[in-house]
């Protein structure tokens, strides 16, 4: 991520079943001023493992 941006995240539905009921939510990252979020990627996603044994995936969509 660029250090100069101001970022926030919003929890949004990312997966629905055939009845259009949300089955999975995800946190989407935005720049506060509407600028593109610029990152240098080796992979299109990254997994974060926390000390309390939780983990989460971050996926970058172009």
PDB file of N, CA and C in Angstrom:
ATOM      1  N   UNK A   1       0.838  -1.186   0.000  1.00  0.00           N
ATOM      2  CA  UNK A   1       0.000   0.000   0.000  1.00  0.00           C
ATOM      3  C   UNK A   1       0.873   1.236   0.000  1.00  0.00           C
ATOM      4  N   UNK A   2       0.363   2.282  -0.611  1.00  0.00           N
ATOM      5  CA  UNK A   2       1.063   3.560  -0.507  1.00  0.00           C
ATOM      6  C   UNK A   2       0.853   4.106   0.900  1.00  0.00           C
ATOM      7  N   UNK A   3       1.878   4.682   1.452  1.00  0.00           N
ATOM      8  CA  UNK A   3       1.784   5.200   2.816  1.00  0.00           C
ATOM      9  C   UNK A   3       0.959   6.480   2.903  1.00  0.00           C
ATOM     10  N   UNK A   4       0.809   7.201   1.795  1.00  0.00           N
ATOM     11  CA  UNK A   4       0.168   8.508   1.832  1.00  0.00           C
ATOM     12  C   UNK A   4      -1.355   8.456   1.837  1.00  0.00           C
ATOM     13  N   UNK A   5      -1.954   7.337   1.510  1.00  0.00           N
ATOM     14  CA  UNK A   5      -3.406   7.254   1.439  1.00  0.00           C
ATOM     15  C   UNK A   5      -4.053   7.185   2.807  1.00  0.00           C
ATOM     16  N   UNK A   6      -5.336   7.518   2.822  1.00  0.00           N
ATOM     17  CA  UNK A   6      -6.149   7.352   4.026  1.00  0.00           C
ATOM     18  C   UNK A   6      -7.152   6.262   3.702  1.00  0.00           C
ATOM     19  N   UNK A   7      -7.047   5.128   4.378  1.00  0.00           N
ATOM     20  CA  UNK A   7      -7.835   3.959   4.024  1.00  0.00           C
ATOM     21  C   UNK A   7      -8.873   3.639   5.086  1.00  0.00           C
ATOM     22  N   UNK A   8      -9.970   3.040   4.647  1.00  0.00           N
ATOM     23  CA  UNK A   8     -10.976   2.519   5.561  1.00  0.00           C
ATOM     24  C   UNK A   8     -11.564   1.269   4.928  1.00  0.00           C
ATOM     25  N   UNK A   9     -12.231   0.473   5.731  1.00  0.00           N
ATOM     26  CA  UNK A   9     -12.836  -0.744   5.195  1.00  0.00           C
ATOM     27  C   UNK A   9     -14.320  -0.768   5.522  1.00  0.00           C
ATOM     28  N   UNK A  10     -15.075  -1.449   4.669  1.00  0.00           N
ATOM     29  CA  UNK A  10     -16.514  -1.611   4.830  1.00  0.00           C
ATOM     30  C   UNK A  10     -16.820  -3.095   4.703  1.00  0.00           C
ATOM     31  N   UNK A  11     -17.610  -3.628   5.619  1.00  0.00           N
ATOM     32  CA  UNK A  11     -18.017  -5.031   5.536  1.00  0.00           C
ATOM     33  C   UNK A  11     -19.196  -5.119   4.567  1.00  0.00           C
ATOM     34  N   UNK A  12     -19.030  -5.954   3.525  1.00  0.00           N
ATOM     35  CA  UNK A  12     -20.046  -6.075   2.474  1.00  0.00           C
ATOM     36  C   UNK A  12     -20.269  -7.543   2.132  1.00  0.00           C
ATOM     37  N   UNK A  13     -21.442  -7.867   1.577  1.00  0.00           N
ATOM     38  CA  UNK A  13     -21.669  -9.241   1.118  1.00  0.00           C
ATOM     39  C   UNK A  13     -20.733  -9.571  -0.041  1.00  0.00           C
ATOM     40  N   UNK A  14     -20.125 -10.756  -0.004  1.00  0.00           N
ATOM     41  CA  UNK A  14     -19.253 -11.183  -1.098  1.00  0.00           C
ATOM     42  C   UNK A  14     -19.684 -12.523  -1.679  1.00  0.00           C
ATOM     43  N   UNK A  15     -20.669 -13.168  -1.037  1.00  0.00           N
ATOM     44  CA  UNK A  15     -21.140 -14.454  -1.550  1.00  0.00           C
ATOM     45  C   UNK A  15     -22.614 -14.617  -1.206  1.00  0.00           C
ATOM     46  N   UNK A  16     -23.407 -15.061  -2.187  1.00  0.00           N
ATOM     47  CA  UNK A  16     -24.844 -15.296  -2.009  1.00  0.00           C
ATOM     48  C   UNK A  16     -25.167 -16.727  -2.412  1.00  0.00           C
ATOM     49  N   UNK A  17     -26.247 -17.284  -1.818  1.00  0.00           N
ATOM     50  CA  UNK A  17     -26.701 -18.591  -2.288  1.00  0.00           C
ATOM     51  C   UNK A  17     -27.715 -18.394  -3.415  1.00  0.00           C
ATOM     52  N   UNK A  18     -28.324 -19.465  -3.893  1.00  0.00           N
ATOM     53  CA  UNK A  18     -29.247 -19.362  -5.040  1.00  0.00           C
ATOM     54  C   UNK A  18     -30.501 -18.571  -4.720  1.00  0.00           C
ATOM     55  N   UNK A  19     -30.843 -18.419  -3.440  1.00  0.00           N
ATOM     56  CA  UNK A  19     -31.995 -17.586  -3.041  1.00  0.00           C
ATOM     57  C   UNK A  19     -31.580 -16.144  -2.766  1.00  0.00           C
ATOM     58  N   UNK A  20     -30.343 -15.817  -3.109  1.00  0.00           N
ATOM     59  CA  UNK A  20     -29.767 -14.488  -2.918  1.00  0.00           C
ATOM     60  C   UNK A  20     -29.680 -14.087  -1.443  1.00  0.00           C
ATOM     61  N   UNK A  21     -29.492 -15.069  -0.584  1.00  0.00           N
ATOM     62  CA  UNK A  21     -29.248 -14.827   0.834  1.00  0.00           C
ATOM     63  C   UNK A  21     -27.733 -14.796   1.029  1.00  0.00           C
ATOM     64  N   UNK A  22     -27.271 -13.789   1.747  1.00  0.00           N
ATOM     65  CA  UNK A  22     -25.828 -13.642   1.960  1.00  0.00           C
ATOM     66  C   UNK A  22     -25.306 -14.822   2.775  1.00  0.00           C
ATOM     67  N   UNK A  23     -24.273 -15.473   2.246  1.00  0.00           N
ATOM     68  CA  UNK A  23     -23.635 -16.584   2.955  1.00  0.00           C
ATOM     69  C   UNK A  23     -22.230 -16.223   3.430  1.00  0.00           C
ATOM     70  N   UNK A  24     -21.698 -15.108   2.939  1.00  0.00           N
ATOM     71  CA  UNK A  24     -20.347 -14.716   3.346  1.00  0.00           C
ATOM     72  C   UNK A  24     -20.180 -13.207   3.189  1.00  0.00           C
ATOM     73  N   UNK A  25     -19.563 -12.592   4.177  1.00  0.00           N
ATOM     74  CA  UNK A  25     -19.235 -11.171   4.141  1.00  0.00           C
ATOM     75  C   UNK A  25     -17.724 -11.014   4.050  1.00  0.00           C
ATOM     76  N   UNK A  26     -17.285  -9.869   3.540  1.00  0.00           N
ATOM     77  CA  UNK A  26     -15.868  -9.557   3.481  1.00  0.00           C
ATOM     78  C   UNK A  26     -15.660  -8.073   3.723  1.00  0.00           C
ATOM     79  N   UNK A  27     -14.461  -7.705   4.121  1.00  0.00           N
ATOM     80  CA  UNK A  27     -14.118  -6.299   4.336  1.00  0.00           C
ATOM     81  C   UNK A  27     -13.452  -5.766   3.076  1.00  0.00           C
ATOM     82  N   UNK A  28     -14.013  -4.696   2.504  1.00  0.00           N
ATOM     83  CA  UNK A  28     -13.511  -4.079   1.281  1.00  0.00           C
ATOM     84  C   UNK A  28     -12.773  -2.801   1.678  1.00  0.00           C
ATOM     85  N   UNK A  29     -11.555  -2.625   1.167  1.00  0.00           N
ATOM     86  CA  UNK A  29     -10.726  -1.465   1.517  1.00  0.00           C
ATOM     87  C   UNK A  29     -10.869  -0.386   0.450  1.00  0.00           C
ATOM     88  N   UNK A  30     -11.067   0.852   0.899  1.00  0.00           N
ATOM     89  CA  UNK A  30     -11.195   2.013   0.023  1.00  0.00           C
ATOM     90  C   UNK A  30     -10.245   3.104   0.490  1.00  0.00           C
ATOM     91  N   UNK A  31      -9.892   4.004  -0.437  1.00  0.00           N
ATOM     92  CA  UNK A  31      -9.182   5.226  -0.077  1.00  0.00           C
ATOM     93  C   UNK A  31     -10.230   6.261   0.301  1.00  0.00           C
ATOM     94  N   UNK A  32     -10.020   6.969   1.393  1.00  0.00           N
ATOM     95  CA  UNK A  32     -10.988   7.941   1.907  1.00  0.00           C
ATOM     96  C   UNK A  32     -11.346   9.009   0.878  1.00  0.00           C
ATOM     97  N   UNK A  33     -10.394   9.370   0.009  1.00  0.00           N
ATOM     98  CA  UNK A  33     -10.626  10.437  -0.967  1.00  0.00           C
ATOM     99  C   UNK A  33     -10.990   9.911  -2.351  1.00  0.00           C
ATOM    100  N   UNK A  34     -11.275   8.619  -2.457  1.00  0.00           N
ATOM    101  CA  UNK A  34     -11.706   8.047  -3.732  1.00  0.00           C
ATOM    102  C   UNK A  34     -10.594   7.755  -4.720  1.00  0.00           C
ATOM    103  N   UNK A  35      -9.348   7.899  -4.298  1.00  0.00           N
ATOM    104  CA  UNK A  35      -8.225   7.599  -5.188  1.00  0.00           C
ATOM    105  C   UNK A  35      -8.051   6.089  -5.310  1.00  0.00           C
ATOM    106  N   UNK A  36      -7.436   5.629  -6.399  1.00  0.00           N
ATOM    107  CA  UNK A  36      -7.160   4.192  -6.522  1.00  0.00           C
ATOM    108  C   UNK A  36      -6.226   3.732  -5.405  1.00  0.00           C
ATOM    109  N   UNK A  37      -6.447   2.528  -4.926  1.00  0.00           N
ATOM    110  CA  UNK A  37      -5.559   1.926  -3.932  1.00  0.00           C
ATOM    111  C   UNK A  37      -4.455   1.225  -4.710  1.00  0.00           C
ATOM    112  N   UNK A  38      -3.223   1.706  -4.550  1.00  0.00           N
ATOM    113  CA  UNK A  38      -2.101   1.152  -5.305  1.00  0.00           C
ATOM    114  C   UNK A  38      -1.301   0.207  -4.418  1.00  0.00           C
ATOM    115  N   UNK A  39      -1.098  -0.993  -4.923  1.00  0.00           N
ATOM    116  CA  UNK A  39      -0.304  -1.992  -4.208  1.00  0.00           C
ATOM    117  C   UNK A  39       0.629  -2.680  -5.188  1.00  0.00           C
ATOM    118  N   UNK A  40       1.732  -3.204  -4.686  1.00  0.00           N
ATOM    119  CA  UNK A  40       2.623  -4.036  -5.493  1.00  0.00           C
ATOM    120  C   UNK A  40       2.355  -5.474  -5.087  1.00  0.00           C
ATOM    121  N   UNK A  41       1.942  -6.281  -6.051  1.00  0.00           N
ATOM    122  CA  UNK A  41       1.517  -7.642  -5.753  1.00  0.00           C
ATOM    123  C   UNK A  41       2.490  -8.680  -6.278  1.00  0.00           C
ATOM    124  N   UNK A  42       2.728  -9.685  -5.478  1.00  0.00           N
ATOM    125  CA  UNK A  42       3.405 -10.888  -5.943  1.00  0.00           C
ATOM    126  C   UNK A  42       2.330 -11.912  -6.300  1.00  0.00           C
ATOM    127  N   UNK A  43       1.292 -11.988  -5.480  1.00  0.00           N
ATOM    128  CA  UNK A  43       0.132 -12.855  -5.693  1.00  0.00           C
ATOM    129  C   UNK A  43      -1.118 -11.976  -5.638  1.00  0.00           C
ATOM    130  N   UNK A  44      -2.244 -12.405  -6.249  1.00  0.00           N
ATOM    131  CA  UNK A  44      -3.462 -11.600  -6.208  1.00  0.00           C
ATOM    132  C   UNK A  44      -4.171 -11.638  -4.856  1.00  0.00           C
ATOM    133  N   UNK A  45      -3.623 -12.365  -3.897  1.00  0.00           N
ATOM    134  CA  UNK A  45      -4.200 -12.417  -2.557  1.00  0.00           C
ATOM    135  C   UNK A  45      -3.075 -12.628  -1.541  1.00  0.00           C
ATOM    136  N   UNK A  46      -3.395 -12.371  -0.298  1.00  0.00           N
ATOM    137  CA  UNK A  46      -2.458 -12.663   0.781  1.00  0.00           C
ATOM    138  C   UNK A  46      -3.249 -13.173   1.969  1.00  0.00           C
ATOM    139  N   UNK A  47      -2.668 -14.023   2.761  1.00  0.00           N
ATOM    140  CA  UNK A  47      -3.312 -14.552   3.961  1.00  0.00           C
ATOM    141  C   UNK A  47      -2.577 -14.005   5.171  1.00  0.00           C
ATOM    142  N   UNK A  48      -3.337 -13.516   6.148  1.00  0.00           N
ATOM    143  CA  UNK A  48      -2.774 -12.989   7.382  1.00  0.00           C
ATOM    144  C   UNK A  48      -3.146 -13.943   8.511  1.00  0.00           C
ATOM    145  N   UNK A  49      -2.164 -14.411   9.240  1.00  0.00           N
ATOM    146  CA  UNK A  49      -2.383 -15.267  10.406  1.00  0.00           C
ATOM    147  C   UNK A  49      -2.101 -14.451  11.659  1.00  0.00           C
ATOM    148  N   UNK A  50      -3.094 -14.350  12.540  1.00  0.00           N
ATOM    149  CA  UNK A  50      -2.966 -13.578  13.765  1.00  0.00           C
ATOM    150  C   UNK A  50      -2.505 -14.467  14.919  1.00  0.00           C
ATOM    151  N   UNK A  51      -1.890 -13.869  15.945  1.00  0.00           N
ATOM    152  CA  UNK A  51      -1.403 -14.655  17.086  1.00  0.00           C
ATOM    153  C   UNK A  51      -2.504 -15.442  17.805  1.00  0.00           C
ATOM    154  N   UNK A  52      -3.749 -14.956  17.754  1.00  0.00           N
ATOM    155  CA  UNK A  52      -4.843 -15.661  18.441  1.00  0.00           C
ATOM    156  C   UNK A  52      -5.438 -16.787  17.585  1.00  0.00           C
ATOM    157  N   UNK A  53      -4.734 -17.185  16.532  1.00  0.00           N
ATOM    158  CA  UNK A  53      -5.079 -18.292  15.636  1.00  0.00           C
ATOM    159  C   UNK A  53      -6.167 -17.946  14.619  1.00  0.00           C
ATOM    160  N   UNK A  54      -6.653 -16.694  14.622  1.00  0.00           N
ATOM    161  CA  UNK A  54      -7.562 -16.264  13.559  1.00  0.00           C
ATOM    162  C   UNK A  54      -6.741 -16.024  12.307  1.00  0.00           C
ATOM    163  N   UNK A  55      -7.387 -16.084  11.164  1.00  0.00           N
ATOM    164  CA  UNK A  55      -6.713 -15.731   9.914  1.00  0.00           C
ATOM    165  C   UNK A  55      -7.721 -15.075   8.989  1.00  0.00           C
ATOM    166  N   UNK A  56      -7.216 -14.337   8.032  1.00  0.00           N
ATOM    167  CA  UNK A  56      -8.080 -13.742   7.020  1.00  0.00           C
ATOM    168  C   UNK A  56      -7.309 -13.641   5.719  1.00  0.00           C
ATOM    169  N   UNK A  57      -8.051 -13.633   4.623  1.00  0.00           N
ATOM    170  CA  UNK A  57      -7.470 -13.484   3.296  1.00  0.00           C
ATOM    171  C   UNK A  57      -7.773 -12.092   2.780  1.00  0.00           C
ATOM    172  N   UNK A  58      -6.809 -11.483   2.126  1.00  0.00           N
ATOM    173  CA  UNK A  58      -7.025 -10.212   1.440  1.00  0.00           C
ATOM    174  C   UNK A  58      -6.866 -10.494  -0.042  1.00  0.00           C
ATOM    175  N   UNK A  59      -7.915 -10.185  -0.817  1.00  0.00           N
ATOM    176  CA  UNK A  59      -7.916 -10.418  -2.260  1.00  0.00           C
ATOM    177  C   UNK A  59      -7.947  -9.063  -2.947  1.00  0.00           C
ATOM    178  N   UNK A  60      -7.100  -8.890  -3.953  1.00  0.00           N
ATOM    179  CA  UNK A  60      -7.042  -7.642  -4.700  1.00  0.00           C
ATOM    180  C   UNK A  60      -7.723  -7.845  -6.041  1.00  0.00           C
ATOM    181  N   UNK A  61      -8.710  -6.993  -6.350  1.00  0.00           N
ATOM    182  CA  UNK A  61      -9.469  -7.076  -7.593  1.00  0.00           C
ATOM    183  C   UNK A  61      -9.152  -5.844  -8.418  1.00  0.00           C
ATOM    184  N   UNK A  62      -8.778  -6.051  -9.659  1.00  0.00           N
ATOM    185  CA  UNK A  62      -8.418  -4.928 -10.526  1.00  0.00           C
ATOM    186  C   UNK A  62      -9.610  -4.499 -11.342  1.00  0.00           C
TER     187      UNK A  62
END
